[in-house]
Amino acid sequence: MKKKIIAYDRLEQPVFDLLRKDYDVQFFHNIDPEKDDTFLKALQETDGIIGVDFPATNKLLDQAPKLKIISNISVGYNNLNLTELTKRKIMATNTPGILDDTVADMAMGLILSTARRMPELDQYVKKGQWTQSLPAEYYGIDVHHKTLGIIGMGRIGSAIAQRAHHGFQMDILYHSRTRKPDAEKNFQAVYKDLDHLLEQSDFVCLITPLTEETKGMIGKKQFQQMRRSAIFINVSRGQTIVEQDLIEALKNKEILAAGLDVFEEEPTDPHNELLKMSNVVTLPHIGSSTHETELRMSKLAMKNLTAGLNDESPVNLLNKEVLKNQ
């Protein structure tokens, strides 16, 4: 009998087709997992879950007595309580490394489009307002030779620093839990405490995972520390900032602009004030959303999933302690 798999929210079609050859796969999208009867019934029999942001609450885990592994198609895993999963002898995996360059490209896109006001001026042209030379009130600011402060110098932060320093001759400041000698050598990055980074950067790019320590780490105080000419970029998670404090900082002109790929609530409320601000570039959490990268992430997630189902250690196992309990 084939083992049963739940594909949750998103899985690239070629990978879905491959999984169906060896497993009994059910796909669920845009459901309330705690209220969908078909999903809850499938959960009772499933051996593995693969997908994006499956909410691994105790209530749902209680409905999955046979579950051996949850394979996240993402770098982040704030949807998973690793301690609880380990206690239940459930493996958890993610897909690091693959999306680093794709997210870094997007981050640079936010920096450029926000600084040069590209979405705003795109609408300026399309609405027929371009009838004479561009008035100075629509000018943007330069990116090259400016100072970029990166909060979170992991793989993605390093990929952003590489593009900014070597491509745009930007000075790199960074704040991270640990010093990064490679970044200091390769990009002449300078380590700063958070206060000094905020005070000295022309662009502040937040690229940290969401943890209890980073939740709400950028709020009113931090926005007030930034330069009035600063641009804030968030490509981490929406909950790493206090969104209302960002709104107030923009309203009070405490910072110049913002570029956001993430929001506190996703999809964000269409009445969110950030969506009405011309100096804010907004994206629908597209960090890894290219055909090539999403396919590679799904393939890696499948590799993790099949390893776990076959009682092997997945290459991207997050809770290695679970192996001791088996």
Protein backbone atom coordinates (compact mmCIF):
# COMPACT_ATOMS: atom_id res chain seq x y z
CA MET A 1 0.00 0.00 0.00
CA LYS A 2 1.31 3.44 -0.93
CA LYS A 3 2.17 5.85 1.86
CA LYS A 4 -0.13 8.86 2.05
CA ILE A 5 1.08 12.41 1.49
CA ILE A 6 -0.58 15.79 1.94
CA ALA A 7 0.61 18.57 -0.37
CA TYR A 8 -0.33 21.80 1.39
CA ASP A 9 -0.96 25.15 -0.33
CA ARG A 10 1.78 25.05 -2.98
CA LEU A 11 3.81 22.42 -4.83
CA GLU A 12 5.23 22.68 -8.33
CA GLN A 13 3.39 20.42 -10.79
CA PRO A 14 6.43 18.37 -11.97
CA VAL A 15 7.21 17.48 -8.36
CA PHE A 16 3.56 16.69 -7.63
CA ASP A 17 3.57 14.32 -10.62
CA LEU A 18 6.76 12.62 -9.42
CA LEU A 19 5.39 12.10 -5.93
CA ARG A 20 2.19 10.55 -7.28
CA LYS A 21 4.21 7.73 -8.84
CA ASP A 22 5.23 6.39 -5.44
CA TYR A 23 2.73 7.88 -2.99
CA ASP A 24 -0.96 8.55 -2.53
CA VAL A 25 -0.96 12.37 -2.70
CA GLN A 26 -3.79 14.76 -1.88
CA PHE A 27 -3.43 18.47 -2.60
CA PHE A 28 -5.12 21.14 -0.45
CA HIS A 29 -5.15 24.85 -1.25
CA ASN A 30 -6.93 27.85 0.29
CA ILE A 31 -8.61 25.91 3.06
CA ASP A 32 -9.20 26.39 6.77
CA PRO A 33 -7.26 23.33 7.96
CA GLU A 34 -9.08 23.12 11.27
CA LYS A 35 -12.53 23.16 9.64
CA ASP A 36 -12.09 21.36 6.33
CA ASP A 37 -13.53 17.86 6.86
CA THR A 38 -11.76 16.35 3.84
CA PHE A 39 -8.44 17.67 5.03
CA LEU A 40 -8.96 16.49 8.60
CA LYS A 41 -9.86 13.04 7.33
CA ALA A 42 -6.70 12.95 5.18
CA LEU A 43 -4.65 14.11 8.16
CA GLN A 44 -5.70 11.04 10.10
CA GLU A 45 -3.94 8.78 7.59
CA THR A 46 -1.06 10.91 6.31
CA ASP A 47 2.55 9.85 6.66
CA GLY A 48 4.05 13.11 5.45
CA ILE A 49 3.23 16.72 4.66
CA ILE A 50 4.97 18.83 2.01
CA GLY A 51 4.16 22.44 1.22
CA VAL A 52 4.17 26.03 2.38
CA ASP A 53 3.27 27.30 5.86
CA PHE A 54 1.33 24.29 7.13
CA PRO A 55 0.15 25.49 10.56
CA ALA A 56 1.49 22.69 12.74
CA THR A 57 -0.64 23.43 15.79
CA ASN A 58 -1.07 20.89 18.55
CA LYS A 59 -4.72 20.60 17.60
CA LEU A 60 -3.86 19.53 14.05
CA LEU A 61 -0.94 17.35 15.09
CA ASP A 62 -3.31 15.49 17.41
CA GLN A 63 -5.26 14.56 14.28
CA ALA A 64 -2.16 13.08 12.59
CA PRO A 65 -1.09 9.97 14.55
CA LYS A 66 0.93 8.50 11.65
CA LEU A 67 2.76 11.69 10.64
CA LYS A 68 6.53 11.19 10.29
CA ILE A 69 7.73 14.38 8.57
CA ILE A 70 6.72 17.92 7.62
CA SER A 71 8.74 19.19 4.66
CA ASN A 72 8.56 22.97 4.36
CA ILE A 73 9.08 24.50 0.92
CA SER A 74 10.76 27.58 2.36
CA VAL A 75 13.77 28.69 4.32
CA GLY A 76 11.62 29.97 7.17
CA TYR A 77 9.97 27.54 9.55
CA ASN A 78 8.22 29.76 12.06
CA ASN A 79 5.09 27.68 11.38
CA LEU A 80 6.79 24.73 13.11
CA ASN A 81 7.32 24.23 16.82
CA LEU A 82 10.46 22.12 16.68
CA THR A 83 10.33 21.18 20.35
CA GLU A 84 6.79 19.88 20.03
CA LEU A 85 7.53 18.03 16.79
CA THR A 86 10.58 16.38 18.33
CA LYS A 87 8.50 15.29 21.30
CA ARG A 88 6.06 13.69 18.86
CA LYS A 89 8.94 12.09 16.86
CA ILE A 90 8.03 14.10 13.75
CA MET A 91 10.86 15.31 11.53
CA ALA A 92 10.87 18.88 10.20
CA THR A 93 12.82 20.17 7.20
CA ASN A 94 13.25 23.32 5.14
CA THR A 95 14.88 24.34 1.85
CA PRO A 96 17.82 26.67 2.55
CA GLY A 97 20.39 27.93 0.07
CA ILE A 98 18.39 27.59 -3.13
CA LEU A 99 16.59 30.93 -2.96
CA ASP A 100 19.49 33.10 -1.74
CA ASP A 101 20.27 34.71 -5.10
CA THR A 102 16.62 35.08 -6.08
CA VAL A 103 15.70 36.89 -2.85
CA ALA A 104 18.83 39.05 -3.10
CA ASP A 105 17.87 40.06 -6.66
CA MET A 106 14.42 41.03 -5.41
CA ALA A 107 15.86 43.00 -2.47
CA MET A 108 18.04 45.02 -4.83
CA GLY A 109 14.96 45.55 -6.98
CA LEU A 110 13.14 47.03 -3.99
CA ILE A 111 16.11 49.27 -3.20
CA LEU A 112 16.29 50.56 -6.77
CA SER A 113 12.56 50.91 -7.38
CA THR A 114 12.01 52.70 -4.08
CA ALA A 115 14.97 55.05 -4.45
CA ARG A 116 14.16 55.92 -8.06
CA ARG A 117 10.38 55.89 -7.47
CA MET A 118 9.82 53.53 -10.39
CA PRO A 119 6.30 52.24 -9.59
CA GLU A 120 5.11 55.79 -8.90
CA LEU A 121 6.60 57.12 -12.15
CA ASP A 122 5.32 54.14 -14.10
CA GLN A 123 1.82 55.28 -13.16
CA TYR A 124 2.79 58.89 -13.92
CA VAL A 125 3.52 57.90 -17.52
CA LYS A 126 0.56 55.53 -17.92
CA LYS A 127 -1.90 58.13 -16.63
CA GLY A 128 -0.78 60.61 -19.28
CA GLN A 129 0.85 63.02 -16.83
CA TRP A 130 4.18 63.05 -18.70
CA THR A 131 3.53 66.14 -20.82
CA GLN A 132 6.77 68.02 -20.12
CA SER A 133 10.18 67.52 -18.53
CA LEU A 134 9.88 65.74 -15.20
CA PRO A 135 9.40 68.26 -12.36
CA ALA A 136 12.06 68.12 -9.64
CA GLU A 137 9.44 67.10 -7.10
CA TYR A 138 9.44 63.65 -8.72
CA TYR A 139 13.19 63.13 -8.58
CA GLY A 140 14.49 60.11 -6.72
CA ILE A 141 17.79 59.54 -4.95
CA ASP A 142 21.00 57.76 -5.95
CA VAL A 143 21.79 54.23 -4.85
CA HIS A 144 25.41 53.97 -5.92
CA HIS A 145 28.09 54.90 -3.36
CA LYS A 146 25.51 55.10 -0.55
CA THR A 147 25.61 53.17 2.75
CA LEU A 148 23.55 50.01 3.06
CA GLY A 149 22.86 48.63 6.53
CA ILE A 150 21.96 44.94 6.53
CA ILE A 151 20.29 43.46 9.59
CA GLY A 152 20.93 39.73 9.40
CA MET A 153 24.09 38.77 7.53
CA GLY A 154 23.22 35.18 6.69
CA ARG A 155 23.37 33.66 3.22
CA ILE A 156 20.78 36.03 1.77
CA GLY A 157 22.25 39.05 3.54
CA SER A 158 25.64 38.16 2.09
CA ALA A 159 24.15 37.82 -1.39
CA ILE A 160 22.60 41.29 -1.04
CA ALA A 161 25.91 42.71 0.20
CA GLN A 162 27.74 41.18 -2.78
CA ARG A 163 25.38 42.87 -5.25
CA ALA A 164 25.36 46.19 -3.42
CA HIS A 165 29.09 46.45 -2.81
CA HIS A 166 30.48 45.11 -6.07
CA GLY A 167 27.62 46.25 -8.30
CA PHE A 168 26.83 49.66 -6.85
CA GLN A 169 29.98 50.45 -4.86
CA MET A 170 27.92 50.76 -1.69
CA ASP A 171 29.47 50.81 1.76
CA ILE A 172 28.14 47.89 3.81
CA LEU A 173 27.30 47.99 7.50
CA TYR A 174 25.82 44.93 9.13
CA HIS A 175 24.31 43.71 12.37
CA SER A 176 24.10 40.00 13.14
CA ARG A 177 24.17 37.64 16.10
CA THR A 178 27.77 36.80 15.25
CA ARG A 179 30.58 38.49 13.36
CA LYS A 180 30.95 37.46 9.72
CA PRO A 181 34.64 37.45 8.75
CA ASP A 182 33.88 36.45 5.15
CA ALA A 183 31.57 39.43 4.65
CA GLU A 184 34.11 41.74 6.24
CA LYS A 185 36.80 40.43 3.89
CA ASN A 186 34.79 40.12 0.67
CA PHE A 187 32.58 43.21 0.92
CA GLN A 188 34.53 45.34 3.42
CA ALA A 189 31.43 45.06 5.58
CA VAL A 190 31.68 46.77 8.96
CA TYR A 191 29.98 45.27 12.01
CA LYS A 192 27.82 47.70 13.99
CA ASP A 193 25.47 47.42 16.90
CA LEU A 194 21.88 47.97 15.84
CA ASP A 195 21.67 51.58 17.08
CA HIS A 196 24.70 52.73 15.12
CA LEU A 197 23.67 50.86 12.00
CA LEU A 198 20.29 52.59 12.00
CA GLU A 199 21.86 56.00 12.54
CA GLN A 200 24.50 55.67 9.83
CA SER A 201 22.70 53.90 6.94
CA ASP A 202 21.08 55.44 3.87
CA PHE A 203 19.24 52.16 3.25
CA VAL A 204 18.28 49.70 6.00
CA CYS A 205 17.54 46.17 4.80
CA LEU A 206 15.99 43.71 7.25
CA ILE A 207 16.61 40.05 6.40
CA THR A 208 16.32 38.07 9.64
CA PRO A 209 14.32 34.92 10.37
CA LEU A 210 11.22 35.33 12.51
CA THR A 211 11.94 34.16 16.06
CA GLU A 212 10.83 35.24 19.51
CA GLU A 213 13.93 37.47 19.61
CA THR A 214 13.30 39.15 16.24
CA LYS A 215 9.53 39.56 16.49
CA GLY A 216 8.78 43.29 16.44
CA MET A 217 12.48 44.16 16.58
CA ILE A 218 12.01 47.26 14.41
CA GLY A 219 9.46 49.66 15.84
CA LYS A 220 8.94 53.28 16.80
CA LYS A 221 12.31 53.76 18.50
CA GLN A 222 14.24 52.19 15.63
CA PHE A 223 12.45 54.19 12.93
CA GLN A 224 13.17 57.39 14.85
CA GLN A 225 16.86 56.45 14.92
CA MET A 226 17.02 56.27 11.14
CA ARG A 227 17.93 59.23 8.99
CA ARG A 228 15.03 61.26 7.61
CA SER A 229 16.49 60.49 4.18
CA ALA A 230 16.65 56.75 4.88
CA ILE A 231 14.79 54.06 2.98
CA PHE A 232 13.66 50.95 4.87
CA ILE A 233 13.51 47.58 3.08
CA ASN A 234 11.87 44.50 4.61
CA VAL A 235 12.46 41.13 2.95
CA SER A 236 12.34 39.04 6.14
CA ARG A 237 8.91 38.48 7.69
CA GLY A 238 6.18 41.02 8.32
CA GLN A 239 6.11 40.34 12.06
CA THR A 240 9.74 41.37 12.49
CA ILE A 241 8.55 44.99 12.48
CA VAL A 242 5.72 46.85 14.17
CA GLU A 243 3.77 47.75 11.05
CA GLN A 244 1.76 50.57 12.60
CA ASP A 245 5.00 52.19 13.76
CA LEU A 246 6.28 52.10 10.18
CA ILE A 247 3.07 53.76 9.01
CA GLU A 248 3.50 56.52 11.60
CA ALA A 249 7.19 56.97 10.72
CA LEU A 250 6.26 57.47 7.05
CA LYS A 251 3.39 59.81 7.89
CA ASN A 252 5.64 61.90 10.16
CA LYS A 253 8.43 61.90 7.55
CA GLU A 254 10.83 60.29 10.02
CA ILE A 255 12.08 58.19 7.09
CA LEU A 256 11.89 58.86 3.36
CA ALA A 257 10.33 55.68 1.99
CA ALA A 258 9.93 51.92 2.33
CA GLY A 259 10.08 48.84 0.14
CA LEU A 260 8.14 45.85 1.46
CA ASP A 261 7.84 42.27 0.31
CA VAL A 262 6.19 41.15 3.55
CA PHE A 263 3.41 42.30 5.88
CA GLU A 264 2.15 41.53 9.38
CA GLU A 265 -0.93 39.92 7.82
CA GLU A 266 -0.67 38.12 4.50
CA PRO A 267 -2.42 38.66 2.18
CA THR A 268 -2.53 42.16 3.59
CA ASP A 269 -5.77 44.04 4.19
CA PRO A 270 -6.61 46.05 1.03
CA HIS A 271 -7.34 48.98 3.37
CA ASN A 272 -3.82 48.89 4.84
CA GLU A 273 -2.56 52.48 4.86
CA LEU A 274 0.78 51.40 3.41
CA LEU A 275 -0.97 50.59 0.13
CA LYS A 276 -2.09 54.19 -0.24
CA MET A 277 1.38 55.73 0.17
CA SER A 278 3.20 56.69 -3.02
CA ASN A 279 6.57 56.42 -1.27
CA VAL A 280 6.05 52.76 -0.39
CA VAL A 281 6.73 49.97 -2.88
CA THR A 282 4.67 46.89 -2.02
CA LEU A 283 5.08 43.32 -3.25
CA PRO A 284 3.02 40.18 -2.45
CA HIS A 285 5.81 38.20 -0.72
CA ILE A 286 7.57 37.23 -3.96
CA GLY A 287 11.06 36.65 -2.53
CA SER A 288 11.52 33.21 -4.07
CA SER A 289 8.80 33.47 -6.71
CA THR A 290 10.51 32.62 -9.96
CA HIS A 291 9.73 29.47 -11.90
CA GLU A 292 13.30 28.22 -11.63
CA THR A 293 13.71 28.78 -7.90
CA GLU A 294 10.29 27.48 -6.87
CA LEU A 295 10.89 24.29 -8.84
CA ARG A 296 14.30 23.74 -7.23
CA MET A 297 12.79 24.33 -3.79
CA SER A 298 9.99 21.83 -4.44
CA LYS A 299 12.53 19.24 -5.61
CA LEU A 300 14.63 19.70 -2.48
CA ALA A 301 11.51 19.48 -0.29
CA MET A 302 10.60 16.23 -2.06
CA LYS A 303 14.11 14.89 -1.41
CA ASN A 304 13.74 15.74 2.29
CA LEU A 305 10.27 14.21 2.41
CA THR A 306 11.20 10.91 0.80
CA ALA A 307 14.26 10.52 3.00
CA GLY A 308 12.13 10.94 6.12
CA LEU A 309 9.46 8.55 4.89
CA ASN A 310 12.16 5.94 4.26
CA ASP A 311 13.56 6.30 7.80
CA GLU A 312 16.64 8.14 6.57
CA SER A 313 17.98 11.46 7.84
CA PRO A 314 16.89 14.28 5.49
CA VAL A 315 19.71 16.56 4.38
CA ASN A 316 17.90 19.62 5.77
CA LEU A 317 16.63 18.13 9.02
CA LEU A 318 15.89 20.95 11.48
CA ASN A 319 15.30 18.92 14.63
CA LYS A 320 18.14 16.41 14.63
CA GLU A 321 17.23 15.47 18.20
CA VAL A 322 14.29 13.55 16.79
CA LEU A 323 16.69 10.86 15.55
CA LYS A 324 17.68 10.10 19.14
CA ASN A 325 14.06 9.40 20.02
CA GLN A 326 13.49 6.87 17.22
